Amino acid sequence: MTYRSLPPRAWLREGDEGDWVELAGEIPAGAPLDGLRSPTTVTVVASDGDTIDLLATYPSAALGLTGSDPLEVGLTLRGDGSIVARYEAALATGTAIAETTMRPLADASPIPAPSLGS
């Protein structure tokens, strides 16, 4: 899935050639991963030389969630430069699971913004 943000709007696209879908609601300004910069705590869970697994704790608000309970986020740092972030959050309707894989930029050519429509 690819994410593009031009606050106050943002779009998601499944795969490389799928249609862009605009997200509902206002999108905050700033980089979407800024919330991961300042964990409250970080613990090394495992390390095998090429991969490091961390467990980081964040205030829920740092990740755009409501509530005052801290949120644990599993972070996997891989030797290829990729990072996987995963957390679960309780909602009134059940449990939400968010997992994001971030990879180093393979192609540095400019990325055109999606159409803003009318």
PDB file of N, CA and C in Angstrom:
ATOM      1  N   MET A   1       0.845  -1.160   0.000  1.00  0.00           N
ATOM      2  CA  MET A   1       0.000   0.000   0.000  1.00  0.00           C
ATOM      3  C   MET A   1       0.902   1.238   0.000  1.00  0.00           C
ATOM      4  N   THR A   2       0.540   2.225  -0.779  1.00  0.00           N
ATOM      5  CA  THR A   2       1.301   3.471  -0.859  1.00  0.00           C
ATOM      6  C   THR A   2       0.453   4.604  -0.292  1.00  0.00           C
ATOM      7  N   TYR A   3       1.101   5.456   0.488  1.00  0.00           N
ATOM      8  CA  TYR A   3       0.433   6.570   1.159  1.00  0.00           C
ATOM      9  C   TYR A   3       1.009   7.870   0.628  1.00  0.00           C
ATOM     10  N   ARG A   4       0.151   8.810   0.288  1.00  0.00           N
ATOM     11  CA  ARG A   4       0.565  10.153  -0.130  1.00  0.00           C
ATOM     12  C   ARG A   4      -0.227  11.161   0.679  1.00  0.00           C
ATOM     13  N   SER A   5       0.457  12.175   1.167  1.00  0.00           N
ATOM     14  CA  SER A   5      -0.193  13.169   2.009  1.00  0.00           C
ATOM     15  C   SER A   5       0.123  14.565   1.510  1.00  0.00           C
ATOM     16  N   LEU A   6      -0.919  15.342   1.297  1.00  0.00           N
ATOM     17  CA  LEU A   6      -0.831  16.766   1.000  1.00  0.00           C
ATOM     18  C   LEU A   6      -1.850  17.428   1.921  1.00  0.00           C
ATOM     19  N   PRO A   7      -1.464  17.617   3.207  1.00  0.00           N
ATOM     20  CA  PRO A   7      -2.451  18.102   4.189  1.00  0.00           C
ATOM     21  C   PRO A   7      -3.207  19.315   3.670  1.00  0.00           C
ATOM     22  N   PRO A   8      -4.495  19.318   3.888  1.00  0.00           N
ATOM     23  CA  PRO A   8      -5.263  18.477   4.809  1.00  0.00           C
ATOM     24  C   PRO A   8      -5.831  17.215   4.181  1.00  0.00           C
ATOM     25  N   ARG A   9      -5.324  16.770   3.025  1.00  0.00           N
ATOM     26  CA  ARG A   9      -5.855  15.578   2.362  1.00  0.00           C
ATOM     27  C   ARG A   9      -4.760  14.521   2.227  1.00  0.00           C
ATOM     28  N   ALA A  10      -5.181  13.236   2.132  1.00  0.00           N
ATOM     29  CA  ALA A  10      -4.234  12.144   1.926  1.00  0.00           C
ATOM     30  C   ALA A  10      -4.925  11.035   1.147  1.00  0.00           C
ATOM     31  N   TRP A  11      -4.101  10.205   0.461  1.00  0.00           N
ATOM     32  CA  TRP A  11      -4.617   9.133  -0.383  1.00  0.00           C
ATOM     33  C   TRP A  11      -3.852   7.850  -0.111  1.00  0.00           C
ATOM     34  N   LEU A  12      -4.518   6.720  -0.341  1.00  0.00           N
ATOM     35  CA  LEU A  12      -3.902   5.392  -0.288  1.00  0.00           C
ATOM     36  C   LEU A  12      -4.097   4.715  -1.629  1.00  0.00           C
ATOM     37  N   ARG A  13      -3.110   3.881  -2.007  1.00  0.00           N
ATOM     38  CA  ARG A  13      -3.236   3.110  -3.236  1.00  0.00           C
ATOM     39  C   ARG A  13      -2.735   1.700  -2.961  1.00  0.00           C
ATOM     40  N   GLU A  14      -3.536   0.720  -3.312  1.00  0.00           N
ATOM     41  CA  GLU A  14      -3.173  -0.685  -3.162  1.00  0.00           C
ATOM     42  C   GLU A  14      -2.339  -1.091  -4.372  1.00  0.00           C
ATOM     43  N   GLY A  15      -1.149  -1.600  -4.136  1.00  0.00           N
ATOM     44  CA  GLY A  15      -0.286  -2.030  -5.236  1.00  0.00           C
ATOM     45  C   GLY A  15       0.309  -0.858  -5.994  1.00  0.00           C
ATOM     46  N   ASP A  16       0.971  -1.158  -7.110  1.00  0.00           N
ATOM     47  CA  ASP A  16       1.640  -0.116  -7.895  1.00  0.00           C
ATOM     48  C   ASP A  16       0.740   0.547  -8.916  1.00  0.00           C
ATOM     49  N   GLU A  17      -0.371  -0.086  -9.266  1.00  0.00           N
ATOM     50  CA  GLU A  17      -1.198   0.449 -10.335  1.00  0.00           C
ATOM     51  C   GLU A  17      -2.663   0.549  -9.965  1.00  0.00           C
ATOM     52  N   GLY A  18      -2.996   0.382  -8.690  1.00  0.00           N
ATOM     53  CA  GLY A  18      -4.391   0.480  -8.282  1.00  0.00           C
ATOM     54  C   GLY A  18      -4.868   1.919  -8.285  1.00  0.00           C
ATOM     55  N   ASP A  19      -6.133   2.104  -8.001  1.00  0.00           N
ATOM     56  CA  ASP A  19      -6.703   3.442  -7.932  1.00  0.00           C
ATOM     57  C   ASP A  19      -6.370   4.093  -6.596  1.00  0.00           C
ATOM     58  N   TRP A  20      -6.156   5.400  -6.603  1.00  0.00           N
ATOM     59  CA  TRP A  20      -5.946   6.164  -5.384  1.00  0.00           C
ATOM     60  C   TRP A  20      -7.297   6.367  -4.698  1.00  0.00           C
ATOM     61  N   VAL A  21      -7.332   6.184  -3.389  1.00  0.00           N
ATOM     62  CA  VAL A  21      -8.545   6.377  -2.601  1.00  0.00           C
ATOM     63  C   VAL A  21      -8.256   7.462  -1.572  1.00  0.00           C
ATOM     64  N   GLU A  22      -9.079   8.520  -1.573  1.00  0.00           N
ATOM     65  CA  GLU A  22      -8.866   9.604  -0.623  1.00  0.00           C
ATOM     66  C   GLU A  22      -9.355   9.186   0.762  1.00  0.00           C
ATOM     67  N   LEU A  23      -8.552   9.479   1.784  1.00  0.00           N
ATOM     68  CA  LEU A  23      -8.921   9.177   3.162  1.00  0.00           C
ATOM     69  C   LEU A  23      -9.920  10.205   3.665  1.00  0.00           C
ATOM     70  N   ALA A  24     -10.825   9.773   4.514  1.00  0.00           N
ATOM     71  CA  ALA A  24     -11.828  10.673   5.097  1.00  0.00           C
ATOM     72  C   ALA A  24     -11.208  11.449   6.251  1.00  0.00           C
ATOM     73  N   GLY A  25     -11.700  12.641   6.481  1.00  0.00           N
ATOM     74  CA  GLY A  25     -11.238  13.457   7.605  1.00  0.00           C
ATOM     75  C   GLY A  25     -10.010  14.268   7.247  1.00  0.00           C
ATOM     76  N   GLU A  26      -9.647  15.173   8.142  1.00  0.00           N
ATOM     77  CA  GLU A  26      -8.476  16.010   7.917  1.00  0.00           C
ATOM     78  C   GLU A  26      -7.212  15.284   8.331  1.00  0.00           C
ATOM     79  N   ILE A  27      -6.183  15.438   7.559  1.00  0.00           N
ATOM     80  CA  ILE A  27      -4.901  14.806   7.812  1.00  0.00           C
ATOM     81  C   ILE A  27      -3.989  15.851   8.453  1.00  0.00           C
ATOM     82  N   PRO A  28      -3.358  15.523   9.579  1.00  0.00           N
ATOM     83  CA  PRO A  28      -2.491  16.511  10.228  1.00  0.00           C
ATOM     84  C   PRO A  28      -1.267  16.823   9.374  1.00  0.00           C
ATOM     85  N   ALA A  29      -0.765  18.032   9.517  1.00  0.00           N
ATOM     86  CA  ALA A  29       0.447  18.435   8.817  1.00  0.00           C
ATOM     87  C   ALA A  29       1.630  17.686   9.426  1.00  0.00           C
ATOM     88  N   GLY A  30       2.713  17.588   8.694  1.00  0.00           N
ATOM     89  CA  GLY A  30       3.901  16.905   9.188  1.00  0.00           C
ATOM     90  C   GLY A  30       4.007  15.512   8.603  1.00  0.00           C
ATOM     91  N   ALA A  31       5.147  14.909   8.814  1.00  0.00           N
ATOM     92  CA  ALA A  31       5.393  13.570   8.300  1.00  0.00           C
ATOM     93  C   ALA A  31       4.555  12.552   9.058  1.00  0.00           C
ATOM     94  N   PRO A  32       3.995  11.562   8.356  1.00  0.00           N
ATOM     95  CA  PRO A  32       3.122  10.591   9.027  1.00  0.00           C
ATOM     96  C   PRO A  32       3.841   9.727  10.054  1.00  0.00           C
ATOM     97  N   LEU A  33       5.167   9.671  10.010  1.00  0.00           N
ATOM     98  CA  LEU A  33       5.910   8.842  10.964  1.00  0.00           C
ATOM     99  C   LEU A  33       6.528   9.644  12.102  1.00  0.00           C
ATOM    100  N   ASP A  34       6.241  10.945  12.173  1.00  0.00           N
ATOM    101  CA  ASP A  34       6.808  11.776  13.234  1.00  0.00           C
ATOM    102  C   ASP A  34       6.507  11.226  14.630  1.00  0.00           C
ATOM    103  N   GLY A  35       5.338  10.614  14.813  1.00  0.00           N
ATOM    104  CA  GLY A  35       4.958  10.089  16.112  1.00  0.00           C
ATOM    105  C   GLY A  35       5.888   9.005  16.634  1.00  0.00           C
ATOM    106  N   LEU A  36       6.631   8.352  15.740  1.00  0.00           N
ATOM    107  CA  LEU A  36       7.544   7.282  16.160  1.00  0.00           C
ATOM    108  C   LEU A  36       8.898   7.799  16.639  1.00  0.00           C
ATOM    109  N   ARG A  37       9.133   9.085  16.550  1.00  0.00           N
ATOM    110  CA  ARG A  37      10.438   9.646  16.914  1.00  0.00           C
ATOM    111  C   ARG A  37      10.735   9.654  18.408  1.00  0.00           C
ATOM    112  N   SER A  38       9.723   9.727  19.240  1.00  0.00           N
ATOM    113  CA  SER A  38       9.965   9.934  20.672  1.00  0.00           C
ATOM    114  C   SER A  38       9.217   8.918  21.536  1.00  0.00           C
ATOM    115  N   PRO A  39       9.724   7.678  21.595  1.00  0.00           N
ATOM    116  CA  PRO A  39       9.077   6.701  22.467  1.00  0.00           C
ATOM    117  C   PRO A  39       9.330   7.043  23.936  1.00  0.00           C
ATOM    118  N   THR A  40       8.429   6.586  24.792  1.00  0.00           N
ATOM    119  CA  THR A  40       8.600   6.755  26.237  1.00  0.00           C
ATOM    120  C   THR A  40       9.653   5.775  26.743  1.00  0.00           C
ATOM    121  N   THR A  41       9.601   4.529  26.256  1.00  0.00           N
ATOM    122  CA  THR A  41      10.594   3.510  26.593  1.00  0.00           C
ATOM    123  C   THR A  41      10.885   2.673  25.363  1.00  0.00           C
ATOM    124  N   VAL A  42      12.073   2.055  25.354  1.00  0.00           N
ATOM    125  CA  VAL A  42      12.445   1.120  24.295  1.00  0.00           C
ATOM    126  C   VAL A  42      13.208  -0.039  24.941  1.00  0.00           C
ATOM    127  N   THR A  43      12.817  -1.259  24.565  1.00  0.00           N
ATOM    128  CA  THR A  43      13.476  -2.455  25.081  1.00  0.00           C
ATOM    129  C   THR A  43      13.888  -3.332  23.901  1.00  0.00           C
ATOM    130  N   VAL A  44      15.115  -3.850  23.943  1.00  0.00           N
ATOM    131  CA  VAL A  44      15.544  -4.807  22.933  1.00  0.00           C
ATOM    132  C   VAL A  44      14.952  -6.158  23.304  1.00  0.00           C
ATOM    133  N   VAL A  45      14.164  -6.726  22.396  1.00  0.00           N
ATOM    134  CA  VAL A  45      13.514  -8.017  22.629  1.00  0.00           C
ATOM    135  C   VAL A  45      14.394  -9.147  22.111  1.00  0.00           C
ATOM    136  N   ALA A  46      14.989  -8.961  20.926  1.00  0.00           N
ATOM    137  CA  ALA A  46      15.838  -9.985  20.325  1.00  0.00           C
ATOM    138  C   ALA A  46      16.761  -9.338  19.306  1.00  0.00           C
ATOM    139  N   SER A  47      17.888 -10.006  19.059  1.00  0.00           N
ATOM    140  CA  SER A  47      18.828  -9.535  18.053  1.00  0.00           C
ATOM    141  C   SER A  47      19.566 -10.750  17.502  1.00  0.00           C
ATOM    142  N   ASP A  48      19.593 -10.886  16.175  1.00  0.00           N
ATOM    143  CA  ASP A  48      20.298 -12.028  15.594  1.00  0.00           C
ATOM    144  C   ASP A  48      21.402 -11.606  14.636  1.00  0.00           C
ATOM    145  N   GLY A  49      21.895 -10.406  14.764  1.00  0.00           N
ATOM    146  CA  GLY A  49      22.971  -9.917  13.908  1.00  0.00           C
ATOM    147  C   GLY A  49      22.481  -9.131  12.713  1.00  0.00           C
ATOM    148  N   ASP A  50      21.441  -9.615  12.036  1.00  0.00           N
ATOM    149  CA  ASP A  50      20.911  -8.917  10.872  1.00  0.00           C
ATOM    150  C   ASP A  50      19.562  -8.266  11.170  1.00  0.00           C
ATOM    151  N   THR A  51      18.943  -8.656  12.277  1.00  0.00           N
ATOM    152  CA  THR A  51      17.627  -8.148  12.642  1.00  0.00           C
ATOM    153  C   THR A  51      17.606  -7.831  14.129  1.00  0.00           C
ATOM    154  N   ILE A  52      16.995  -6.707  14.459  1.00  0.00           N
ATOM    155  CA  ILE A  52      16.806  -6.322  15.861  1.00  0.00           C
ATOM    156  C   ILE A  52      15.322  -6.108  16.086  1.00  0.00           C
ATOM    157  N   ASP A  53      14.765  -6.761  17.094  1.00  0.00           N
ATOM    158  CA  ASP A  53      13.370  -6.582  17.475  1.00  0.00           C
ATOM    159  C   ASP A  53      13.319  -5.731  18.736  1.00  0.00           C
ATOM    160  N   LEU A  54      12.539  -4.659  18.669  1.00  0.00           N
ATOM    161  CA  LEU A  54      12.383  -3.737  19.792  1.00  0.00           C
ATOM    162  C   LEU A  54      10.923  -3.688  20.207  1.00  0.00           C
ATOM    163  N   LEU A  55      10.682  -3.339  21.454  1.00  0.00           N
ATOM    164  CA  LEU A  55       9.343  -3.036  21.937  1.00  0.00           C
ATOM    165  C   LEU A  55       9.403  -1.623  22.492  1.00  0.00           C
ATOM    166  N   ALA A  56       8.667  -0.720  21.860  1.00  0.00           N
ATOM    167  CA  ALA A  56       8.675   0.691  22.255  1.00  0.00           C
ATOM    168  C   ALA A  56       7.295   1.069  22.777  1.00  0.00           C
ATOM    169  N   THR A  57       7.264   1.949  23.752  1.00  0.00           N
ATOM    170  CA  THR A  57       6.008   2.430  24.325  1.00  0.00           C
ATOM    171  C   THR A  57       5.840   3.898  23.966  1.00  0.00           C
ATOM    172  N   TYR A  58       4.617   4.254  23.549  1.00  0.00           N
ATOM    173  CA  TYR A  58       4.291   5.620  23.146  1.00  0.00           C
ATOM    174  C   TYR A  58       2.995   6.052  23.814  1.00  0.00           C
ATOM    175  N   PRO A  59       2.840   7.360  24.055  1.00  0.00           N
ATOM    176  CA  PRO A  59       1.511   7.844  24.437  1.00  0.00           C
ATOM    177  C   PRO A  59       0.583   7.623  23.237  1.00  0.00           C
ATOM    178  N   SER A  60      -0.642   7.217  23.468  1.00  0.00           N
ATOM    179  CA  SER A  60      -1.584   6.959  22.376  1.00  0.00           C
ATOM    180  C   SER A  60      -1.697   8.158  21.433  1.00  0.00           C
ATOM    181  N   ALA A  61      -1.718   9.359  21.995  1.00  0.00           N
ATOM    182  CA  ALA A  61      -1.869  10.569  21.180  1.00  0.00           C
ATOM    183  C   ALA A  61      -0.721  10.748  20.194  1.00  0.00           C
ATOM    184  N   ALA A  62       0.469  10.238  20.511  1.00  0.00           N
ATOM    185  CA  ALA A  62       1.618  10.376  19.609  1.00  0.00           C
ATOM    186  C   ALA A  62       1.378   9.653  18.289  1.00  0.00           C
ATOM    187  N   LEU A  63       0.492   8.646  18.314  1.00  0.00           N
ATOM    188  CA  LEU A  63       0.190   7.901  17.097  1.00  0.00           C
ATOM    189  C   LEU A  63      -1.193   8.233  16.557  1.00  0.00           C
ATOM    190  N   GLY A  64      -1.773   9.335  17.039  1.00  0.00           N
ATOM    191  CA  GLY A  64      -3.060   9.796  16.537  1.00  0.00           C
ATOM    192  C   GLY A  64      -4.254   9.058  17.099  1.00  0.00           C
ATOM    193  N   LEU A  65      -4.073   8.360  18.217  1.00  0.00           N
ATOM    194  CA  LEU A  65      -5.170   7.620  18.825  1.00  0.00           C
ATOM    195  C   LEU A  65      -5.696   8.355  20.048  1.00  0.00           C
ATOM    196  N   THR A  66      -6.925   8.084  20.411  1.00  0.00           N
ATOM    197  CA  THR A  66      -7.507   8.689  21.596  1.00  0.00           C
ATOM    198  C   THR A  66      -7.208   7.809  22.806  1.00  0.00           C
ATOM    199  N   GLY A  67      -7.464   8.335  23.976  1.00  0.00           N
ATOM    200  CA  GLY A  67      -7.227   7.581  25.203  1.00  0.00           C
ATOM    201  C   GLY A  67      -5.919   7.981  25.843  1.00  0.00           C
ATOM    202  N   SER A  68      -5.778   7.602  27.092  1.00  0.00           N
ATOM    203  CA  SER A  68      -4.579   7.986  27.833  1.00  0.00           C
ATOM    204  C   SER A  68      -3.646   6.810  28.095  1.00  0.00           C
ATOM    205  N   ASP A  69      -4.072   5.593  27.736  1.00  0.00           N
ATOM    206  CA  ASP A  69      -3.222   4.422  27.969  1.00  0.00           C
ATOM    207  C   ASP A  69      -2.030   4.441  27.020  1.00  0.00           C
ATOM    208  N   PRO A  70      -0.860   4.055  27.525  1.00  0.00           N
ATOM    209  CA  PRO A  70       0.298   3.946  26.628  1.00  0.00           C
ATOM    210  C   PRO A  70       0.090   2.796  25.643  1.00  0.00           C
ATOM    211  N   LEU A  71       0.759   2.881  24.516  1.00  0.00           N
ATOM    212  CA  LEU A  71       0.608   1.901  23.451  1.00  0.00           C
ATOM    213  C   LEU A  71       1.968   1.261  23.179  1.00  0.00           C
ATOM    214  N   GLU A  72       2.013  -0.075  23.152  1.00  0.00           N
ATOM    215  CA  GLU A  72       3.247  -0.781  22.831  1.00  0.00           C
ATOM    216  C   GLU A  72       3.311  -1.034  21.330  1.00  0.00           C
ATOM    217  N   VAL A  73       4.459  -0.696  20.743  1.00  0.00           N
ATOM    218  CA  VAL A  73       4.673  -0.870  19.311  1.00  0.00           C
ATOM    219  C   VAL A  73       5.885  -1.771  19.128  1.00  0.00           C
ATOM    220  N   GLY A  74       5.692  -2.871  18.402  1.00  0.00           N
ATOM    221  CA  GLY A  74       6.815  -3.729  18.053  1.00  0.00           C
ATOM    222  C   GLY A  74       7.514  -3.169  16.834  1.00  0.00           C
ATOM    223  N   LEU A  75       8.821  -3.017  16.922  1.00  0.00           N
ATOM    224  CA  LEU A  75       9.617  -2.496  15.811  1.00  0.00           C
ATOM    225  C   LEU A  75      10.656  -3.543  15.434  1.00  0.00           C
ATOM    226  N   THR A  76      10.724  -3.891  14.163  1.00  0.00           N
ATOM    227  CA  THR A  76      11.740  -4.812  13.670  1.00  0.00           C
ATOM    228  C   THR A  76      12.629  -4.048  12.703  1.00  0.00           C
ATOM    229  N   LEU A  77      13.909  -3.969  13.027  1.00  0.00           N
ATOM    230  CA  LEU A  77      14.895  -3.287  12.192  1.00  0.00           C
ATOM    231  C   LEU A  77      15.697  -4.361  11.467  1.00  0.00           C
ATOM    232  N   ARG A  78      15.695  -4.325  10.132  1.00  0.00           N
ATOM    233  CA  ARG A  78      16.356  -5.367   9.343  1.00  0.00           C
ATOM    234  C   ARG A  78      17.614  -4.831   8.671  1.00  0.00           C
ATOM    235  N   GLY A  79      18.514  -5.723   8.390  1.00  0.00           N
ATOM    236  CA  GLY A  79      19.781  -5.364   7.773  1.00  0.00           C
ATOM    237  C   GLY A  79      19.655  -4.728   6.402  1.00  0.00           C
ATOM    238  N   ASP A  80      18.542  -4.956   5.714  1.00  0.00           N
ATOM    239  CA  ASP A  80      18.344  -4.338   4.396  1.00  0.00           C
ATOM    240  C   ASP A  80      17.850  -2.895   4.510  1.00  0.00           C
ATOM    241  N   GLY A  81      17.731  -2.398   5.742  1.00  0.00           N
ATOM    242  CA  GLY A  81      17.279  -1.025   5.960  1.00  0.00           C
ATOM    243  C   GLY A  81      15.788  -0.892   6.178  1.00  0.00           C
ATOM    244  N   SER A  82      15.045  -1.985   6.059  1.00  0.00           N
ATOM    245  CA  SER A  82      13.598  -1.897   6.258  1.00  0.00           C
ATOM    246  C   SER A  82      13.257  -1.922   7.748  1.00  0.00           C
ATOM    247  N   ILE A  83      12.117  -1.346   8.054  1.00  0.00           N
ATOM    248  CA  ILE A  83      11.605  -1.286   9.430  1.00  0.00           C
ATOM    249  C   ILE A  83      10.139  -1.706   9.386  1.00  0.00           C
ATOM    250  N   VAL A  84       9.759  -2.598  10.292  1.00  0.00           N
ATOM    251  CA  VAL A  84       8.361  -2.996  10.424  1.00  0.00           C
ATOM    252  C   VAL A  84       7.874  -2.491  11.773  1.00  0.00           C
ATOM    253  N   ALA A  85       6.771  -1.750  11.775  1.00  0.00           N
ATOM    254  CA  ALA A  85       6.148  -1.257  13.012  1.00  0.00           C
ATOM    255  C   ALA A  85       4.766  -1.891  13.110  1.00  0.00           C
ATOM    256  N   ARG A  86       4.439  -2.467  14.290  1.00  0.00           N
ATOM    257  CA  ARG A  86       3.154  -3.147  14.470  1.00  0.00           C
ATOM    258  C   ARG A  86       2.613  -2.863  15.860  1.00  0.00           C
ATOM    259  N   TYR A  87       1.318  -2.532  15.914  1.00  0.00           N
ATOM    260  CA  TYR A  87       0.665  -2.380  17.214  1.00  0.00           C
ATOM    261  C   TYR A  87      -0.784  -2.798  17.123  1.00  0.00           C
ATOM    262  N   GLU A  88      -1.355  -3.083  18.294  1.00  0.00           N
ATOM    263  CA  GLU A  88      -2.773  -3.389  18.412  1.00  0.00           C
ATOM    264  C   GLU A  88      -3.380  -2.360  19.349  1.00  0.00           C
ATOM    265  N   ALA A  89      -4.585  -1.911  19.022  1.00  0.00           N
ATOM    266  CA  ALA A  89      -5.278  -0.923  19.850  1.00  0.00           C
ATOM    267  C   ALA A  89      -6.725  -1.362  20.045  1.00  0.00           C
ATOM    268  N   ALA A  90      -7.200  -1.264  21.267  1.00  0.00           N
ATOM    269  CA  ALA A  90      -8.591  -1.611  21.567  1.00  0.00           C
ATOM    270  C   ALA A  90      -9.498  -0.492  21.093  1.00  0.00           C
ATOM    271  N   LEU A  91     -10.562  -0.859  20.385  1.00  0.00           N
ATOM    272  CA  LEU A  91     -11.582   0.081  19.936  1.00  0.00           C
ATOM    273  C   LEU A  91     -12.916  -0.348  20.526  1.00  0.00           C
ATOM    274  N   ALA A  92     -13.883   0.512  20.456  1.00  0.00           N
ATOM    275  CA  ALA A  92     -15.212   0.175  20.958  1.00  0.00           C
ATOM    276  C   ALA A  92     -15.801  -1.011  20.194  1.00  0.00           C
ATOM    277  N   THR A  93     -15.392  -1.172  18.937  1.00  0.00           N
ATOM    278  CA  THR A  93     -15.939  -2.237  18.095  1.00  0.00           C
ATOM    279  C   THR A  93     -15.042  -3.472  18.020  1.00  0.00           C
ATOM    280  N   GLY A  94     -13.922  -3.476  18.733  1.00  0.00           N
ATOM    281  CA  GLY A  94     -13.004  -4.616  18.699  1.00  0.00           C
ATOM    282  C   GLY A  94     -11.563  -4.148  18.777  1.00  0.00           C
ATOM    283  N   THR A  95     -10.677  -4.897  18.168  1.00  0.00           N
ATOM    284  CA  THR A  95      -9.253  -4.579  18.193  1.00  0.00           C
ATOM    285  C   THR A  95      -8.791  -4.196  16.795  1.00  0.00           C
ATOM    286  N   ALA A  96      -8.062  -3.087  16.711  1.00  0.00           N
ATOM    287  CA  ALA A  96      -7.465  -2.670  15.439  1.00  0.00           C
ATOM    288  C   ALA A  96      -6.000  -3.095  15.450  1.00  0.00           C
ATOM    289  N   ILE A  97      -5.546  -3.629  14.347  1.00  0.00           N
ATOM    290  CA  ILE A  97      -4.145  -4.013  14.205  1.00  0.00           C
ATOM    291  C   ILE A  97      -3.560  -3.183  13.080  1.00  0.00           C
ATOM    292  N   ALA A  98      -2.472  -2.489  13.370  1.00  0.00           N
ATOM    293  CA  ALA A  98      -1.792  -1.683  12.360  1.00  0.00           C
ATOM    294  C   ALA A  98      -0.382  -2.231  12.179  1.00  0.00           C
ATOM    295  N   GLU A  99      -0.015  -2.526  10.937  1.00  0.00           N
ATOM    296  CA  GLU A  99       1.340  -2.980  10.639  1.00  0.00           C
ATOM    297  C   GLU A  99       1.810  -2.252   9.394  1.00  0.00           C
ATOM    298  N   THR A 100       2.960  -1.621   9.515  1.00  0.00           N
ATOM    299  CA  THR A 100       3.512  -0.838   8.421  1.00  0.00           C
ATOM    300  C   THR A 100       4.945  -1.279   8.171  1.00  0.00           C
ATOM    301  N   THR A 101       5.283  -1.507   6.912  1.00  0.00           N
ATOM    302  CA  THR A 101       6.659  -1.815   6.539  1.00  0.00           C
ATOM    303  C   THR A 101       7.210  -0.627   5.769  1.00  0.00           C
ATOM    304  N   MET A 102       8.341  -0.126   6.245  1.00  0.00           N
ATOM    305  CA  MET A 102       9.007   0.998   5.596  1.00  0.00           C
ATOM    306  C   MET A 102      10.308   0.483   4.997  1.00  0.00           C
ATOM    307  N   ARG A 103      10.547   0.804   3.735  1.00  0.00           N
ATOM    308  CA  ARG A 103      11.742   0.334   3.051  1.00  0.00           C
ATOM    309  C   ARG A 103      12.547   1.531   2.555  1.00  0.00           C
ATOM    310  N   PRO A 104      13.863   1.353   2.424  1.00  0.00           N
ATOM    311  CA  PRO A 104      14.665   2.448   1.856  1.00  0.00           C
ATOM    312  C   PRO A 104      14.202   2.764   0.446  1.00  0.00           C
ATOM    313  N   LEU A 105      14.321   4.003   0.067  1.00  0.00           N
ATOM    314  CA  LEU A 105      13.925   4.449  -1.264  1.00  0.00           C
ATOM    315  C   LEU A 105      14.813   3.792  -2.313  1.00  0.00           C
ATOM    316  N   ALA A 106      14.214   3.033  -3.213  1.00  0.00           N
ATOM    317  CA  ALA A 106      14.972   2.340  -4.254  1.00  0.00           C
ATOM    318  C   ALA A 106      15.117   3.196  -5.503  1.00  0.00           C
ATOM    319  N   ASP A 107      14.177   4.089  -5.731  1.00  0.00           N
ATOM    320  CA  ASP A 107      14.177   4.937  -6.921  1.00  0.00           C
ATOM    321  C   ASP A 107      14.052   6.378  -6.456  1.00  0.00           C
ATOM    322  N   ALA A 108      15.067   7.180  -6.664  1.00  0.00           N
ATOM    323  CA  ALA A 108      15.065   8.557  -6.168  1.00  0.00           C
ATOM    324  C   ALA A 108      14.466   9.558  -7.153  1.00  0.00           C
ATOM    325  N   SER A 109      13.835   9.077  -8.218  1.00  0.00           N
ATOM    326  CA  SER A 109      13.220  10.018  -9.155  1.00  0.00           C
ATOM    327  C   SER A 109      11.999  10.668  -8.490  1.00  0.00           C
ATOM    328  N   PRO A 110      11.643  11.873  -8.899  1.00  0.00           N
ATOM    329  CA  PRO A 110      10.502  12.581  -8.278  1.00  0.00           C
ATOM    330  C   PRO A 110       9.204  11.775  -8.349  1.00  0.00           C
ATOM    331  N   ILE A 111       8.391  11.894  -7.327  1.00  0.00           N
ATOM    332  CA  ILE A 111       7.094  11.208  -7.275  1.00  0.00           C
ATOM    333  C   ILE A 111       6.017  12.254  -7.556  1.00  0.00           C
ATOM    334  N   PRO A 112       5.229  12.083  -8.615  1.00  0.00           N
ATOM    335  CA  PRO A 112       4.180  13.065  -8.885  1.00  0.00           C
ATOM    336  C   PRO A 112       3.052  12.922  -7.853  1.00  0.00           C
ATOM    337  N   ALA A 113       2.528  14.047  -7.425  1.00  0.00           N
ATOM    338  CA  ALA A 113       1.403  14.037  -6.471  1.00  0.00           C
ATOM    339  C   ALA A 113       0.155  13.532  -7.162  1.00  0.00           C
ATOM    340  N   PRO A 114      -0.699  12.830  -6.419  1.00  0.00           N
ATOM    341  CA  PRO A 114      -1.968  12.401  -7.018  1.00  0.00           C
ATOM    342  C   PRO A 114      -2.827  13.612  -7.356  1.00  0.00           C
ATOM    343  N   SER A 115      -3.735  13.438  -8.268  1.00  0.00           N
ATOM    344  CA  SER A 115      -4.618  14.519  -8.682  1.00  0.00           C
ATOM    345  C   SER A 115      -5.475  14.974  -7.502  1.00  0.00           C
ATOM    346  N   LEU A 116      -5.628  16.270  -7.328  1.00  0.00           N
ATOM    347  CA  LEU A 116      -6.456  16.806  -6.257  1.00  0.00           C
ATOM    348  C   LEU A 116      -7.925  16.754  -6.611  1.00  0.00           C
ATOM    349  N   GLY A 117      -8.228  16.421  -7.839  1.00  0.00           N
ATOM    350  CA  GLY A 117      -9.641  16.331  -8.239  1.00  0.00           C
ATOM    351  C   GLY A 117     -10.280  17.700  -8.289  1.00  0.00           C
ATOM    352  N   SER A 118     -11.599  17.701  -8.292  1.00  0.00           N
ATOM    353  CA  SER A 118     -12.296  18.994  -8.368  1.00  0.00           C
ATOM    354  C   SER A 118     -13.044  19.269  -7.108  1.00  0.00           C
TER     355      SER A 118
END
